């Protein structure tokens, strides 16, 4: 009977119930639990396990470089950061409002940490995230152009609930790369939120977008129309021990 029941649970893909059934039955008998309450407990355990597995799958697909949380961020290190704004962003209301976020600061001040922490929370909330560096995304889409698969690959970036473009401005972007970046932002404009981390102020963006102020202006127009900008100033947190 037990083997038959385990087979049925396996066919139904009720993995958590299959693994915990015996212990739950013993516990229910000892406590004289009502059968309906036992069934509710078993189904609640299965549902929680399914949600956790789904969250882990989303995290793997998001390719977040290092899992971070807001609690791990040291607000005492940067010389300048808008604490209230950053904490406000973690209520994730910006997703519903289709608002973008741009973190601006020099190397090591925590831009990627905060972007990663937001990505982690969004995944936990049941939404799909893509985390990529600016150059990796452009190279990937350039490869798709060569294969004649740009539309299919572009759809992936366009449809994510949250797209995080890390390290924009660290390396120069040629004309084709600038066009690709514009297409991605344009596809997501007023449809879904994008987070960008950069080491350059807005007035300097044309310098790494092939010195094209017209294209840069068009890109910024779409990013900044609905946007929260977080400027972080200070020394690199990774270099703090050497500085001391």
Protein backbone atom coordinates (compact mmCIF):
# COMPACT_ATOMS: atom_id res chain seq x y z
CA UNK A 1 0.00 0.00 0.00
CA UNK A 2 2.78 2.41 0.92
CA UNK A 3 4.69 1.65 -2.25
CA UNK A 4 1.52 2.16 -4.28
CA UNK A 5 0.84 5.48 -2.53
CA UNK A 6 4.42 6.64 -3.08
CA UNK A 7 4.08 5.76 -6.77
CA UNK A 8 0.89 7.81 -7.06
CA UNK A 9 2.50 10.77 -5.27
CA UNK A 10 5.47 10.48 -7.60
CA UNK A 11 3.21 10.46 -10.68
CA UNK A 12 1.45 13.57 -9.37
CA UNK A 13 4.87 15.14 -8.67
CA UNK A 14 3.96 15.76 -5.03
CA UNK A 15 7.56 15.44 -3.94
CA UNK A 16 7.31 17.13 -0.53
CA UNK A 17 4.31 15.00 0.52
CA UNK A 18 6.05 11.83 -0.66
CA UNK A 19 9.16 12.65 1.38
CA UNK A 20 7.29 13.73 4.53
CA UNK A 21 4.14 11.58 4.51
CA UNK A 22 5.29 8.92 6.99
CA UNK A 23 6.50 11.46 9.54
CA UNK A 24 3.32 13.51 9.15
CA UNK A 25 1.10 10.42 9.59
CA UNK A 26 2.95 9.41 12.75
CA UNK A 27 2.74 12.95 14.12
CA UNK A 28 -0.98 13.18 13.25
CA UNK A 29 -1.71 9.85 15.00
CA UNK A 30 0.17 10.93 18.10
CA UNK A 31 -1.66 14.26 18.28
CA UNK A 32 -4.99 12.79 17.09
CA UNK A 33 -5.10 15.39 14.33
CA UNK A 34 -8.33 15.77 12.39
CA UNK A 35 -7.95 14.21 8.87
CA UNK A 36 -8.95 17.48 7.23
CA UNK A 37 -6.26 19.33 9.19
CA UNK A 38 -3.71 16.70 8.19
CA UNK A 39 -4.63 17.08 4.53
CA UNK A 40 -4.37 20.86 4.84
CA UNK A 41 -0.92 20.56 6.43
CA UNK A 42 0.30 18.18 3.73
CA UNK A 43 -0.95 20.40 0.90
CA UNK A 44 0.44 23.55 2.55
CA UNK A 45 3.84 21.88 2.86
CA UNK A 46 3.75 20.84 -0.80
CA UNK A 47 2.75 24.34 -1.91
CA UNK A 48 5.53 25.99 0.10
CA UNK A 49 8.07 23.53 -1.33
CA UNK A 50 6.88 24.19 -4.89
CA UNK A 51 7.19 27.94 -4.38
CA UNK A 52 10.70 27.54 -3.01
CA UNK A 53 11.76 25.32 -5.93
CA UNK A 54 10.31 27.85 -8.37
CA UNK A 55 12.18 30.68 -6.64
CA UNK A 56 15.43 28.73 -6.84
CA UNK A 57 14.84 28.10 -10.54
CA UNK A 58 14.24 31.81 -11.14
CA UNK A 59 17.43 32.65 -9.24
CA UNK A 60 19.47 30.25 -11.38
CA UNK A 61 18.01 31.65 -14.59
CA UNK A 62 18.56 35.24 -13.42
CA UNK A 63 22.33 34.59 -13.19
CA UNK A 64 22.84 37.02 -10.34
CA UNK A 65 26.65 37.09 -9.83
CA UNK A 66 26.46 36.91 -6.03
CA UNK A 67 23.31 36.64 -3.94
CA UNK A 68 23.03 39.70 -1.71
CA UNK A 69 20.40 41.18 0.59
CA UNK A 70 19.69 44.71 1.76
CA UNK A 71 20.54 43.70 5.34
CA UNK A 72 24.09 42.91 4.20
CA UNK A 73 24.61 46.40 2.79
CA UNK A 74 26.73 48.68 4.98
CA UNK A 75 24.96 52.05 4.86
CA UNK A 76 27.67 53.51 7.07
CA UNK A 77 30.39 53.13 4.43
CA UNK A 78 29.40 55.45 1.53
CA UNK A 79 30.00 59.14 2.12
CA UNK A 80 26.76 59.91 0.32
CA UNK A 81 23.67 57.77 -0.29
CA UNK A 82 19.95 58.41 0.03
CA UNK A 83 19.09 55.82 2.71
CA UNK A 84 15.35 56.46 2.61
CA UNK A 85 15.11 56.18 -1.16
CA UNK A 86 17.08 52.93 -1.26
CA UNK A 87 14.92 51.34 1.44
CA UNK A 88 11.80 52.59 -0.33
CA UNK A 89 12.87 50.82 -3.52
CA UNK A 90 12.79 47.48 -1.71
CA UNK A 91 9.02 47.62 -1.37
CA UNK A 92 9.19 46.82 -5.13
CA UNK A 93 6.45 49.29 -5.99
CA UNK A 94 8.66 50.53 -8.83
CA UNK A 95 7.85 47.30 -10.69
CA UNK A 96 4.14 48.07 -10.72
CA UNK A 97 4.82 51.65 -11.80
CA UNK A 98 7.23 50.50 -14.57
CA UNK A 99 9.88 52.81 -13.08
CA UNK A 100 13.58 52.42 -13.89
CA UNK A 101 16.42 52.68 -11.36
CA UNK A 102 19.92 53.97 -12.09
CA UNK A 103 22.70 53.53 -9.53
CA UNK A 104 25.56 55.96 -10.20
CA UNK A 105 28.89 55.73 -8.39
CA UNK A 106 32.56 54.84 -8.63
CA UNK A 107 33.93 51.31 -8.28
CA UNK A 108 33.20 49.48 -5.05
CA UNK A 109 30.55 51.72 -3.50
CA UNK A 110 27.79 49.07 -3.58
CA UNK A 111 25.90 49.62 -6.83
CA UNK A 112 25.97 45.98 -7.88
CA UNK A 113 25.25 44.85 -4.31
CA UNK A 114 22.00 46.83 -4.23
CA UNK A 115 21.02 45.74 -7.74
CA UNK A 116 21.68 42.10 -6.79
CA UNK A 117 19.66 42.44 -3.60
CA UNK A 118 16.72 43.85 -5.55
CA UNK A 119 17.03 41.02 -8.09
CA UNK A 120 17.01 38.46 -5.27
CA UNK A 121 13.88 39.94 -3.70
CA UNK A 122 12.07 40.15 -7.05
CA UNK A 123 12.83 36.46 -7.72
CA UNK A 124 11.51 35.58 -4.28
CA UNK A 125 8.30 37.45 -5.13
CA UNK A 126 7.66 35.16 -8.10
CA UNK A 127 8.91 37.32 -10.97
CA UNK A 128 11.51 36.69 -13.66
CA UNK A 129 14.80 38.59 -13.63
CA UNK A 130 17.72 38.84 -16.06
CA UNK A 131 21.00 40.10 -14.62
CA UNK A 132 23.69 40.91 -17.18
CA UNK A 133 26.59 43.25 -17.74
CA UNK A 134 26.06 45.81 -20.48
CA UNK A 135 28.85 44.36 -22.62
CA UNK A 136 27.65 40.74 -22.20
CA UNK A 137 24.14 41.67 -23.28
CA UNK A 138 25.39 43.56 -26.34
CA UNK A 139 27.75 40.75 -27.34
CA UNK A 140 24.96 38.21 -26.93
CA UNK A 141 22.62 40.22 -29.15
CA UNK A 142 25.37 40.86 -31.70
CA UNK A 143 25.79 37.10 -31.90
CA UNK A 144 22.04 36.73 -32.39
CA UNK A 145 22.21 39.19 -35.30
CA UNK A 146 24.87 37.05 -36.99
CA UNK A 147 22.69 33.95 -36.52
CA UNK A 148 19.54 35.70 -37.74
CA UNK A 149 17.91 35.20 -34.34
CA UNK A 150 17.82 38.76 -33.01
CA UNK A 151 14.05 38.95 -32.61
CA UNK A 152 13.87 35.77 -30.54
CA UNK A 153 16.81 36.76 -28.34
CA UNK A 154 15.58 40.34 -27.95
CA UNK A 155 12.22 39.02 -26.72
CA UNK A 156 14.01 37.46 -23.76
CA UNK A 157 15.34 40.82 -22.58
CA UNK A 158 12.12 42.64 -23.43
CA UNK A 159 9.80 40.29 -21.53
CA UNK A 160 11.66 39.90 -18.23
CA UNK A 161 9.79 41.43 -15.29
CA UNK A 162 13.09 43.07 -14.31
CA UNK A 163 16.21 43.58 -16.42
CA UNK A 164 19.43 44.56 -14.65
CA UNK A 165 22.19 46.02 -16.84
CA UNK A 166 25.38 46.14 -14.78
CA UNK A 167 28.61 48.08 -15.40
CA UNK A 168 27.36 50.42 -18.11
CA UNK A 169 30.15 52.80 -19.06
CA UNK A 170 33.11 50.69 -17.96
CA UNK A 171 33.92 49.81 -21.57
CA UNK A 172 33.21 51.80 -24.77
CA UNK A 173 30.26 50.75 -26.93
CA UNK A 174 30.41 51.00 -30.71
CA UNK A 175 27.62 52.20 -33.02
CA UNK A 176 26.01 48.78 -33.37
CA UNK A 177 26.18 48.26 -29.61
CA UNK A 178 24.55 51.66 -29.05
CA UNK A 179 21.74 50.72 -31.42
CA UNK A 180 21.24 47.43 -29.61
CA UNK A 181 21.12 49.14 -26.23
CA UNK A 182 18.52 51.58 -27.55
CA UNK A 183 16.40 48.72 -28.92
CA UNK A 184 16.40 46.94 -25.57
CA UNK A 185 15.44 50.06 -23.62
CA UNK A 186 12.86 51.03 -26.22
CA UNK A 187 11.25 47.57 -26.09
CA UNK A 188 10.90 47.86 -22.30
CA UNK A 189 9.85 51.52 -22.23
CA UNK A 190 6.74 51.94 -20.04
CA UNK A 191 6.27 48.14 -20.09
CA UNK A 192 8.73 46.90 -17.48
CA UNK A 193 11.43 48.19 -15.12
CA UNK A 194 15.14 48.25 -15.88
CA UNK A 195 17.94 48.75 -13.34
CA UNK A 196 21.26 50.16 -14.57
CA UNK A 197 24.50 50.49 -12.64
CA UNK A 198 27.10 52.90 -14.00
CA UNK A 199 30.22 54.77 -12.98
CA UNK A 200 29.36 57.77 -15.19
CA UNK A 201 27.10 60.78 -14.63
CA UNK A 202 24.39 61.23 -17.25
CA UNK A 203 26.17 64.12 -18.97
CA UNK A 204 29.11 61.80 -19.71
CA UNK A 205 27.16 58.93 -21.30
CA UNK A 206 27.78 60.08 -24.88
CA UNK A 207 31.50 59.44 -24.31
CA UNK A 208 31.03 55.68 -24.17
CA UNK A 209 28.13 55.56 -26.66
CA UNK A 210 30.37 56.14 -29.70
CA UNK A 211 30.44 59.90 -28.98
CA UNK A 212 26.92 60.13 -30.40
CA UNK A 213 24.97 62.77 -28.42
CA UNK A 214 21.81 62.31 -30.50
CA UNK A 215 21.54 58.56 -29.89
CA UNK A 216 22.52 59.03 -26.23
CA UNK A 217 19.84 61.69 -25.79
CA UNK A 218 17.18 59.37 -27.24
CA UNK A 219 18.29 56.57 -24.92
CA UNK A 220 18.32 58.79 -21.83
CA UNK A 221 14.92 60.19 -22.73
CA UNK A 222 13.37 56.73 -22.38
CA UNK A 223 15.36 55.73 -19.30
CA UNK A 224 14.74 58.92 -17.33
CA UNK A 225 11.08 59.50 -18.16
CA UNK A 226 10.12 57.21 -15.26
CA UNK A 227 13.26 56.78 -13.18
CA UNK A 228 14.74 56.88 -9.69
CA UNK A 229 18.43 57.89 -9.62
CA UNK A 230 20.56 56.80 -6.68
CA UNK A 231 23.93 58.55 -6.49
CA UNK A 232 26.47 56.83 -4.24
CA UNK A 233 29.72 58.58 -3.33
CA UNK A 234 32.70 57.29 -1.37
CA UNK A 235 35.73 55.04 -1.47
CA UNK A 236 35.70 51.42 -2.58
CA UNK A 237 34.41 49.12 0.16
CA UNK A 238 36.60 46.32 -1.20
CA UNK A 239 39.70 48.47 -0.60
CA UNK A 240 38.80 49.51 2.96
CA UNK A 241 41.34 47.24 4.68
CA UNK A 242 44.23 48.46 2.49
CA UNK A 243 43.21 52.06 3.07
CA UNK A 244 43.28 51.54 6.80
